[in-house]
């Protein structure tokens, strides 16, 4: 039951995050994600294997460029807990590893590696985030900082 929830969340959350907020409603983006969560005994780190199909065909170099240049409102507002670079990409085949990358940028950055063309989907890659800092406590604090910066609270 828990693993089913996690898999559904992993596959739908990017659609929400990369969607639009319009008329007080979240409009989910329209692309497919197939993901797999690997539960292993690791302290503070979620590692996921992700496969995606994109609407527009792009190169690996274009994807990496977007990841490396990505910034959002927390970076624009220079919020205290916001990572300077929210996405860290490495072409090292051993990257990412929870023990080494989970604390990237105060534990608030996402580490991505092993990007490659996929035989079924367009691309596959491995993503790592700190499950306590980025995923729970830190994520909630960052949301509160953003709401304060935007005058919502």
C-alpha atoms as a PDB file:
ATOM      1  CA  UNK A   1       0.000   0.000   0.000  1.00  0.00           C
ATOM      2  CA  UNK A   2       2.724   2.494   0.979  1.00  0.00           C
ATOM      3  CA  UNK A   3       4.870   1.603  -2.055  1.00  0.00           C
ATOM      4  CA  UNK A   4       1.854   2.009  -4.367  1.00  0.00           C
ATOM      5  CA  UNK A   5       1.229   5.478  -2.916  1.00  0.00           C
ATOM      6  CA  UNK A   6       4.897   6.421  -3.335  1.00  0.00           C
ATOM      7  CA  UNK A   7       4.961   5.238  -6.939  1.00  0.00           C
ATOM      8  CA  UNK A   8       1.791   7.139  -7.812  1.00  0.00           C
ATOM      9  CA  UNK A   9       3.150  10.246  -6.074  1.00  0.00           C
ATOM     10  CA  UNK A  10       6.510   9.984  -7.859  1.00  0.00           C
ATOM     11  CA  UNK A  11       4.769   9.697 -11.216  1.00  0.00           C
ATOM     12  CA  UNK A  12       2.217  12.492 -10.673  1.00  0.00           C
ATOM     13  CA  UNK A  13       4.137  15.050  -8.615  1.00  0.00           C
ATOM     14  CA  UNK A  14       6.318  16.238 -11.553  1.00  0.00           C
ATOM     15  CA  UNK A  15       3.133  16.834 -13.556  1.00  0.00           C
ATOM     16  CA  UNK A  16       1.910  19.122 -10.787  1.00  0.00           C
ATOM     17  CA  UNK A  17       5.265  20.841 -10.200  1.00  0.00           C
ATOM     18  CA  UNK A  18       5.783  21.506 -13.909  1.00  0.00           C
ATOM     19  CA  UNK A  19       2.136  22.425 -14.447  1.00  0.00           C
ATOM     20  CA  UNK A  20       0.500  25.827 -14.175  1.00  0.00           C
ATOM     21  CA  UNK A  21      -1.389  27.674 -11.484  1.00  0.00           C
ATOM     22  CA  UNK A  22      -4.435  29.264 -13.079  1.00  0.00           C
ATOM     23  CA  UNK A  23      -7.609  30.651 -11.471  1.00  0.00           C
ATOM     24  CA  UNK A  24      -6.650  29.259  -8.054  1.00  0.00           C
ATOM     25  CA  UNK A  25      -6.288  25.788  -9.596  1.00  0.00           C
ATOM     26  CA  UNK A  26      -3.295  23.611 -10.429  1.00  0.00           C
ATOM     27  CA  UNK A  27      -3.346  22.465 -14.054  1.00  0.00           C
ATOM     28  CA  UNK A  28      -1.174  19.375 -14.361  1.00  0.00           C
ATOM     29  CA  UNK A  29       1.345  19.275 -17.214  1.00  0.00           C
ATOM     30  CA  UNK A  30       0.660  16.761 -19.957  1.00  0.00           C
ATOM     31  CA  UNK A  31       3.484  14.235 -20.215  1.00  0.00           C
ATOM     32  CA  UNK A  32       4.045  10.705 -18.995  1.00  0.00           C
ATOM     33  CA  UNK A  33       6.430   9.660 -16.270  1.00  0.00           C
ATOM     34  CA  UNK A  34       7.338   6.114 -15.355  1.00  0.00           C
ATOM     35  CA  UNK A  35       9.297   5.930 -12.123  1.00  0.00           C
ATOM     36  CA  UNK A  36      10.586   3.380  -9.678  1.00  0.00           C
ATOM     37  CA  UNK A  37      11.412   3.985  -6.011  1.00  0.00           C
ATOM     38  CA  UNK A  38      14.133   1.830  -4.529  1.00  0.00           C
ATOM     39  CA  UNK A  39      13.721   1.260  -0.804  1.00  0.00           C
ATOM     40  CA  UNK A  40      17.092   0.494   0.736  1.00  0.00           C
ATOM     41  CA  UNK A  41      18.598   1.100   4.147  1.00  0.00           C
ATOM     42  CA  UNK A  42      19.997   4.577   3.531  1.00  0.00           C
ATOM     43  CA  UNK A  43      20.054   7.383   6.057  1.00  0.00           C
ATOM     44  CA  UNK A  44      18.376  10.508   4.701  1.00  0.00           C
ATOM     45  CA  UNK A  45      18.116  10.142   0.966  1.00  0.00           C
ATOM     46  CA  UNK A  46      15.571   9.055  -1.637  1.00  0.00           C
ATOM     47  CA  UNK A  47      16.917   7.696  -4.904  1.00  0.00           C
ATOM     48  CA  UNK A  48      14.593   7.243  -7.871  1.00  0.00           C
ATOM     49  CA  UNK A  49      15.014   5.837 -11.350  1.00  0.00           C
ATOM     50  CA  UNK A  50      12.960   7.919 -13.779  1.00  0.00           C
ATOM     51  CA  UNK A  51      12.018   7.390 -17.420  1.00  0.00           C
ATOM     52  CA  UNK A  52      10.332  10.146 -19.434  1.00  0.00           C
ATOM     53  CA  UNK A  53       8.846  10.817 -22.841  1.00  0.00           C
ATOM     54  CA  UNK A  54       9.046  14.431 -23.933  1.00  0.00           C
ATOM     55  CA  UNK A  55       6.649  16.288 -26.244  1.00  0.00           C
ATOM     56  CA  UNK A  56       9.568  17.817 -28.131  1.00  0.00           C
ATOM     57  CA  UNK A  57      12.675  15.857 -29.089  1.00  0.00           C
ATOM     58  CA  UNK A  58      15.725  17.379 -27.439  1.00  0.00           C
ATOM     59  CA  UNK A  59      19.327  16.336 -27.005  1.00  0.00           C
ATOM     60  CA  UNK A  60      21.015  15.202 -23.815  1.00  0.00           C
ATOM     61  CA  UNK A  61      23.078  18.406 -23.891  1.00  0.00           C
ATOM     62  CA  UNK A  62      19.883  20.504 -24.004  1.00  0.00           C
ATOM     63  CA  UNK A  63      18.429  18.666 -21.004  1.00  0.00           C
ATOM     64  CA  UNK A  64      21.633  19.112 -19.003  1.00  0.00           C
ATOM     65  CA  UNK A  65      21.750  22.816 -19.901  1.00  0.00           C
ATOM     66  CA  UNK A  66      18.174  23.311 -18.647  1.00  0.00           C
ATOM     67  CA  UNK A  67      18.940  21.447 -15.421  1.00  0.00           C
ATOM     68  CA  UNK A  68      22.130  23.397 -14.769  1.00  0.00           C
ATOM     69  CA  UNK A  69      20.495  26.772 -15.475  1.00  0.00           C
ATOM     70  CA  UNK A  70      17.208  26.124 -13.655  1.00  0.00           C
ATOM     71  CA  UNK A  71      16.175  28.781 -11.138  1.00  0.00           C
ATOM     72  CA  UNK A  72      12.776  29.497  -9.625  1.00  0.00           C
ATOM     73  CA  UNK A  73      11.092  31.892  -7.208  1.00  0.00           C
ATOM     74  CA  UNK A  74      13.069  30.755  -4.134  1.00  0.00           C
ATOM     75  CA  UNK A  75      16.305  31.661  -5.951  1.00  0.00           C
ATOM     76  CA  UNK A  76      14.869  34.961  -7.261  1.00  0.00           C
ATOM     77  CA  UNK A  77      13.812  35.963  -3.744  1.00  0.00           C
ATOM     78  CA  UNK A  78      17.129  34.650  -2.330  1.00  0.00           C
ATOM     79  CA  UNK A  79      15.240  32.845   0.423  1.00  0.00           C
ATOM     80  CA  UNK A  80      17.386  31.685   3.370  1.00  0.00           C
ATOM     81  CA  UNK A  81      16.766  27.954   2.873  1.00  0.00           C
ATOM     82  CA  UNK A  82      16.656  28.039  -0.940  1.00  0.00           C
ATOM     83  CA  UNK A  83      19.462  26.185  -2.664  1.00  0.00           C
ATOM     84  CA  UNK A  84      21.629  28.427  -4.829  1.00  0.00           C
ATOM     85  CA  UNK A  85      21.516  25.755  -7.536  1.00  0.00           C
ATOM     86  CA  UNK A  86      18.385  23.631  -7.065  1.00  0.00           C
ATOM     87  CA  UNK A  87      19.586  20.923  -9.479  1.00  0.00           C
ATOM     88  CA  UNK A  88      23.069  19.427  -9.442  1.00  0.00           C
ATOM     89  CA  UNK A  89      23.918  17.273 -12.471  1.00  0.00           C
ATOM     90  CA  UNK A  90      26.992  15.101 -12.943  1.00  0.00           C
ATOM     91  CA  UNK A  91      27.962  12.855 -15.837  1.00  0.00           C
ATOM     92  CA  UNK A  92      29.878  10.592 -13.424  1.00  0.00           C
ATOM     93  CA  UNK A  93      28.285   7.117 -13.753  1.00  0.00           C
ATOM     94  CA  UNK A  94      28.449   6.660  -9.954  1.00  0.00           C
ATOM     95  CA  UNK A  95      26.441   9.846  -9.357  1.00  0.00           C
ATOM     96  CA  UNK A  96      24.234  10.382  -7.391  1.00  0.00           C
ATOM     97  CA  UNK A  97      24.884   8.497  -4.170  1.00  0.00           C
ATOM     98  CA  UNK A  98      22.968   9.321  -0.969  1.00  0.00           C
ATOM     99  CA  UNK A  99      26.031   9.267   1.267  1.00  0.00           C
ATOM    100  CA  UNK A 100      27.870  11.792  -0.913  1.00  0.00           C
ATOM    101  CA  UNK A 101      25.225  14.046  -2.489  1.00  0.00           C
ATOM    102  CA  UNK A 102      22.253  14.089  -0.092  1.00  0.00           C
ATOM    103  CA  UNK A 103      23.523  17.220   1.690  1.00  0.00           C
ATOM    104  CA  UNK A 104      24.124  19.225  -1.509  1.00  0.00           C
ATOM    105  CA  UNK A 105      23.322  22.904  -1.076  1.00  0.00           C
ATOM    106  CA  UNK A 106      22.118  22.642   2.559  1.00  0.00           C
ATOM    107  CA  UNK A 107      20.306  19.397   1.712  1.00  0.00           C
ATOM    108  CA  UNK A 108      17.831  21.366  -0.429  1.00  0.00           C
ATOM    109  CA  UNK A 109      19.257  20.576  -3.883  1.00  0.00           C
ATOM    110  CA  UNK A 110      18.301  17.637  -6.060  1.00  0.00           C
ATOM    111  CA  UNK A 111      21.165  15.606  -7.538  1.00  0.00           C
ATOM    112  CA  UNK A 112      20.710  14.000 -10.954  1.00  0.00           C
ATOM    113  CA  UNK A 113      22.939  11.640 -12.895  1.00  0.00           C
ATOM    114  CA  UNK A 114      23.099   8.736 -15.321  1.00  0.00           C
ATOM    115  CA  UNK A 115      21.068  10.565 -17.983  1.00  0.00           C
ATOM    116  CA  UNK A 116      20.847   8.421 -21.099  1.00  0.00           C
ATOM    117  CA  UNK A 117      18.622   7.632 -24.030  1.00  0.00           C
ATOM    118  CA  UNK A 118      16.147   4.928 -23.123  1.00  0.00           C
ATOM    119  CA  UNK A 119      15.121   2.012 -25.350  1.00  0.00           C
ATOM    120  CA  UNK A 120      11.413   2.451 -24.528  1.00  0.00           C
ATOM    121  CA  UNK A 121      11.092   6.052 -23.326  1.00  0.00           C
ATOM    122  CA  UNK A 122      13.018   9.068 -24.585  1.00  0.00           C
ATOM    123  CA  UNK A 123      15.376   9.305 -21.602  1.00  0.00           C
ATOM    124  CA  UNK A 124      16.100   7.770 -18.220  1.00  0.00           C
ATOM    125  CA  UNK A 125      18.039   9.170 -15.270  1.00  0.00           C
ATOM    126  CA  UNK A 126      18.596   8.770 -11.536  1.00  0.00           C
ATOM    127  CA  UNK A 127      17.555  11.462  -9.098  1.00  0.00           C
ATOM    128  CA  UNK A 128      18.383  11.886  -5.410  1.00  0.00           C
ATOM    129  CA  UNK A 129      16.946  14.205  -2.785  1.00  0.00           C
ATOM    130  CA  UNK A 130      17.351  14.481   0.966  1.00  0.00           C
ATOM    131  CA  UNK A 131      14.082  13.029   2.229  1.00  0.00           C
ATOM    132  CA  UNK A 132      14.041  14.907   5.549  1.00  0.00           C
ATOM    133  CA  UNK A 133      15.476  18.272   4.622  1.00  0.00           C
ATOM    134  CA  UNK A 134      14.194  18.730   1.062  1.00  0.00           C
ATOM    135  CA  UNK A 135      11.277  16.352   1.288  1.00  0.00           C
ATOM    136  CA  UNK A 136       9.686  17.239   4.612  1.00  0.00           C
ATOM    137  CA  UNK A 137      10.933  19.795   7.115  1.00  0.00           C
ATOM    138  CA  UNK A 138      13.019  21.936   4.768  1.00  0.00           C
ATOM    139  CA  UNK A 139      10.390  21.829   2.035  1.00  0.00           C
ATOM    140  CA  UNK A 140       7.758  23.104   4.472  1.00  0.00           C
ATOM    141  CA  UNK A 141      10.060  25.878   5.706  1.00  0.00           C
ATOM    142  CA  UNK A 142      10.890  26.903   2.125  1.00  0.00           C
ATOM    143  CA  UNK A 143       7.156  27.078   1.308  1.00  0.00           C
ATOM    144  CA  UNK A 144       6.612  29.316   4.349  1.00  0.00           C
ATOM    145  CA  UNK A 145       9.561  31.541   3.355  1.00  0.00           C
ATOM    146  CA  UNK A 146       8.143  31.890  -0.153  1.00  0.00           C
ATOM    147  CA  UNK A 147       4.643  32.680   1.140  1.00  0.00           C
ATOM    148  CA  UNK A 148       6.130  35.373   3.416  1.00  0.00           C
ATOM    149  CA  UNK A 149       8.224  36.827   0.572  1.00  0.00           C
ATOM    150  CA  UNK A 150       5.140  36.986  -1.684  1.00  0.00           C
ATOM    151  CA  UNK A 151       3.035  38.625   1.063  1.00  0.00           C
ATOM    152  CA  UNK A 152       0.653  35.685   1.390  1.00  0.00           C
ATOM    153  CA  UNK A 153       1.345  35.365   5.138  1.00  0.00           C
END
